[in-house]
Amino acid sequence: MNYVTSFERLSREEGIHLNAITIAKKLIAQGRSIQYIHDLIHLSENEVMDLVDMH
Protein backbone atom coordinates (compact mmCIF):
# COMPACT_ATOMS: atom_id res chain seq x y z
CA MET A 1 0.00 0.00 0.00
CA ASN A 2 1.49 3.31 -0.96
CA TYR A 3 1.55 6.44 1.17
CA VAL A 4 -1.34 8.19 -0.62
CA THR A 5 -3.63 5.17 -0.36
CA SER A 6 -2.72 4.76 3.30
CA PHE A 7 -3.32 8.45 3.99
CA GLU A 8 -6.70 8.35 2.21
CA ARG A 9 -7.76 5.30 4.21
CA LEU A 10 -6.72 6.87 7.52
CA SER A 11 -8.48 10.12 6.61
CA ARG A 12 -11.67 8.24 5.77
CA GLU A 13 -11.50 6.28 9.04
CA GLU A 14 -10.96 9.49 11.01
CA GLY A 15 -13.92 11.11 9.28
CA ILE A 16 -16.11 8.14 10.16
CA HIS A 17 -14.91 8.33 13.77
CA LEU A 18 -15.69 12.06 13.97
CA ASN A 19 -19.18 11.40 12.58
CA ALA A 20 -19.69 8.72 15.23
CA ILE A 21 -18.68 11.18 17.95
CA THR A 22 -21.11 13.79 16.59
CA ILE A 23 -23.94 11.26 16.58
CA ALA A 24 -23.03 10.11 20.10
CA LYS A 25 -23.14 13.71 21.36
CA LYS A 26 -26.63 14.12 19.91
CA LEU A 27 -27.78 10.89 21.54
CA ILE A 28 -26.35 12.01 24.88
CA ALA A 29 -28.28 15.27 24.57
CA GLN A 30 -31.43 13.18 24.02
CA GLY A 31 -30.73 11.34 27.27
CA ARG A 32 -29.89 7.96 25.72
CA SER A 33 -28.04 5.45 27.89
CA ILE A 34 -24.31 4.89 27.62
CA GLN A 35 -24.86 1.23 26.76
CA TYR A 36 -27.32 2.15 23.99
CA ILE A 37 -24.82 4.59 22.47
CA HIS A 38 -21.97 2.12 22.83
CA ASP A 39 -23.96 -0.63 21.09
CA LEU A 40 -25.29 1.62 18.33
CA ILE A 41 -22.22 3.67 17.47
CA HIS A 42 -19.47 1.18 18.39
CA LEU A 43 -17.40 3.71 20.29
CA SER A 44 -15.57 2.38 23.31
CA GLU A 45 -17.30 2.80 26.65
CA ASN A 46 -14.46 5.10 27.72
CA GLU A 47 -15.04 7.35 24.71
CA VAL A 48 -18.76 7.51 25.45
CA MET A 49 -18.10 8.22 29.15
CA ASP A 50 -15.71 11.03 28.20
CA LEU A 51 -18.39 12.56 25.98
CA VAL A 52 -20.94 12.30 28.80
CA ASP A 53 -18.51 14.00 31.19
CA MET A 54 -17.93 16.80 28.68
CA HIS A 55 -21.67 17.27 28.13
C-alpha atoms as a PDB file:
ATOM      1  CA  MET A   1       0.000   0.000   0.000  1.00  0.00           C
ATOM      2  CA  ASN A   2       1.492   3.312  -0.960  1.00  0.00           C
ATOM      3  CA  TYR A   3       1.555   6.437   1.172  1.00  0.00           C
ATOM      4  CA  VAL A   4      -1.335   8.192  -0.619  1.00  0.00           C
ATOM      5  CA  THR A   5      -3.632   5.175  -0.356  1.00  0.00           C
ATOM      6  CA  SER A   6      -2.719   4.760   3.303  1.00  0.00           C
ATOM      7  CA  PHE A   7      -3.324   8.455   3.988  1.00  0.00           C
ATOM      8  CA  GLU A   8      -6.700   8.352   2.214  1.00  0.00           C
ATOM      9  CA  ARG A   9      -7.764   5.299   4.209  1.00  0.00           C
ATOM     10  CA  LEU A  10      -6.725   6.865   7.517  1.00  0.00           C
ATOM     11  CA  SER A  11      -8.484  10.117   6.615  1.00  0.00           C
ATOM     12  CA  ARG A  12     -11.666   8.245   5.766  1.00  0.00           C
ATOM     13  CA  GLU A  13     -11.501   6.284   9.040  1.00  0.00           C
ATOM     14  CA  GLU A  14     -10.960   9.492  11.014  1.00  0.00           C
ATOM     15  CA  GLY A  15     -13.923  11.110   9.282  1.00  0.00           C
ATOM     16  CA  ILE A  16     -16.111   8.140  10.158  1.00  0.00           C
ATOM     17  CA  HIS A  17     -14.912   8.330  13.770  1.00  0.00           C
ATOM     18  CA  LEU A  18     -15.693  12.057  13.968  1.00  0.00           C
ATOM     19  CA  ASN A  19     -19.180  11.405  12.581  1.00  0.00           C
ATOM     20  CA  ALA A  20     -19.685   8.722  15.232  1.00  0.00           C
ATOM     21  CA  ILE A  21     -18.681  11.181  17.952  1.00  0.00           C
ATOM     22  CA  THR A  22     -21.109  13.788  16.592  1.00  0.00           C
ATOM     23  CA  ILE A  23     -23.942  11.259  16.580  1.00  0.00           C
ATOM     24  CA  ALA A  24     -23.032  10.108  20.098  1.00  0.00           C
ATOM     25  CA  LYS A  25     -23.142  13.708  21.365  1.00  0.00           C
ATOM     26  CA  LYS A  26     -26.633  14.122  19.912  1.00  0.00           C
ATOM     27  CA  LEU A  27     -27.785  10.886  21.541  1.00  0.00           C
ATOM     28  CA  ILE A  28     -26.348  12.013  24.884  1.00  0.00           C
ATOM     29  CA  ALA A  29     -28.282  15.273  24.566  1.00  0.00           C
ATOM     30  CA  GLN A  30     -31.431  13.177  24.019  1.00  0.00           C
ATOM     31  CA  GLY A  31     -30.730  11.336  27.269  1.00  0.00           C
ATOM     32  CA  ARG A  32     -29.889   7.960  25.724  1.00  0.00           C
ATOM     33  CA  SER A  33     -28.040   5.447  27.888  1.00  0.00           C
ATOM     34  CA  ILE A  34     -24.307   4.895  27.618  1.00  0.00           C
ATOM     35  CA  GLN A  35     -24.859   1.230  26.762  1.00  0.00           C
ATOM     36  CA  TYR A  36     -27.315   2.150  23.988  1.00  0.00           C
ATOM     37  CA  ILE A  37     -24.820   4.594  22.469  1.00  0.00           C
ATOM     38  CA  HIS A  38     -21.967   2.121  22.828  1.00  0.00           C
ATOM     39  CA  ASP A  39     -23.957  -0.633  21.091  1.00  0.00           C
ATOM     40  CA  LEU A  40     -25.290   1.616  18.334  1.00  0.00           C
ATOM     41  CA  ILE A  41     -22.218   3.668  17.467  1.00  0.00           C
ATOM     42  CA  HIS A  42     -19.467   1.175  18.389  1.00  0.00           C
ATOM     43  CA  LEU A  43     -17.400   3.708  20.286  1.00  0.00           C
ATOM     44  CA  SER A  44     -15.568   2.378  23.309  1.00  0.00           C
ATOM     45  CA  GLU A  45     -17.302   2.802  26.653  1.00  0.00           C
ATOM     46  CA  ASN A  46     -14.463   5.103  27.725  1.00  0.00           C
ATOM     47  CA  GLU A  47     -15.042   7.348  24.706  1.00  0.00           C
ATOM     48  CA  VAL A  48     -18.759   7.512  25.454  1.00  0.00           C
ATOM     49  CA  MET A  49     -18.102   8.223  29.146  1.00  0.00           C
ATOM     50  CA  ASP A  50     -15.706  11.027  28.196  1.00  0.00           C
ATOM     51  CA  LEU A  51     -18.393  12.562  25.981  1.00  0.00           C
ATOM     52  CA  VAL A  52     -20.944  12.298  28.797  1.00  0.00           C
ATOM     53  CA  ASP A  53     -18.515  13.996  31.193  1.00  0.00           C
ATOM     54  CA  MET A  54     -17.934  16.803  28.677  1.00  0.00           C
ATOM     55  CA  HIS A  55     -21.673  17.271  28.126  1.00  0.00           C
END
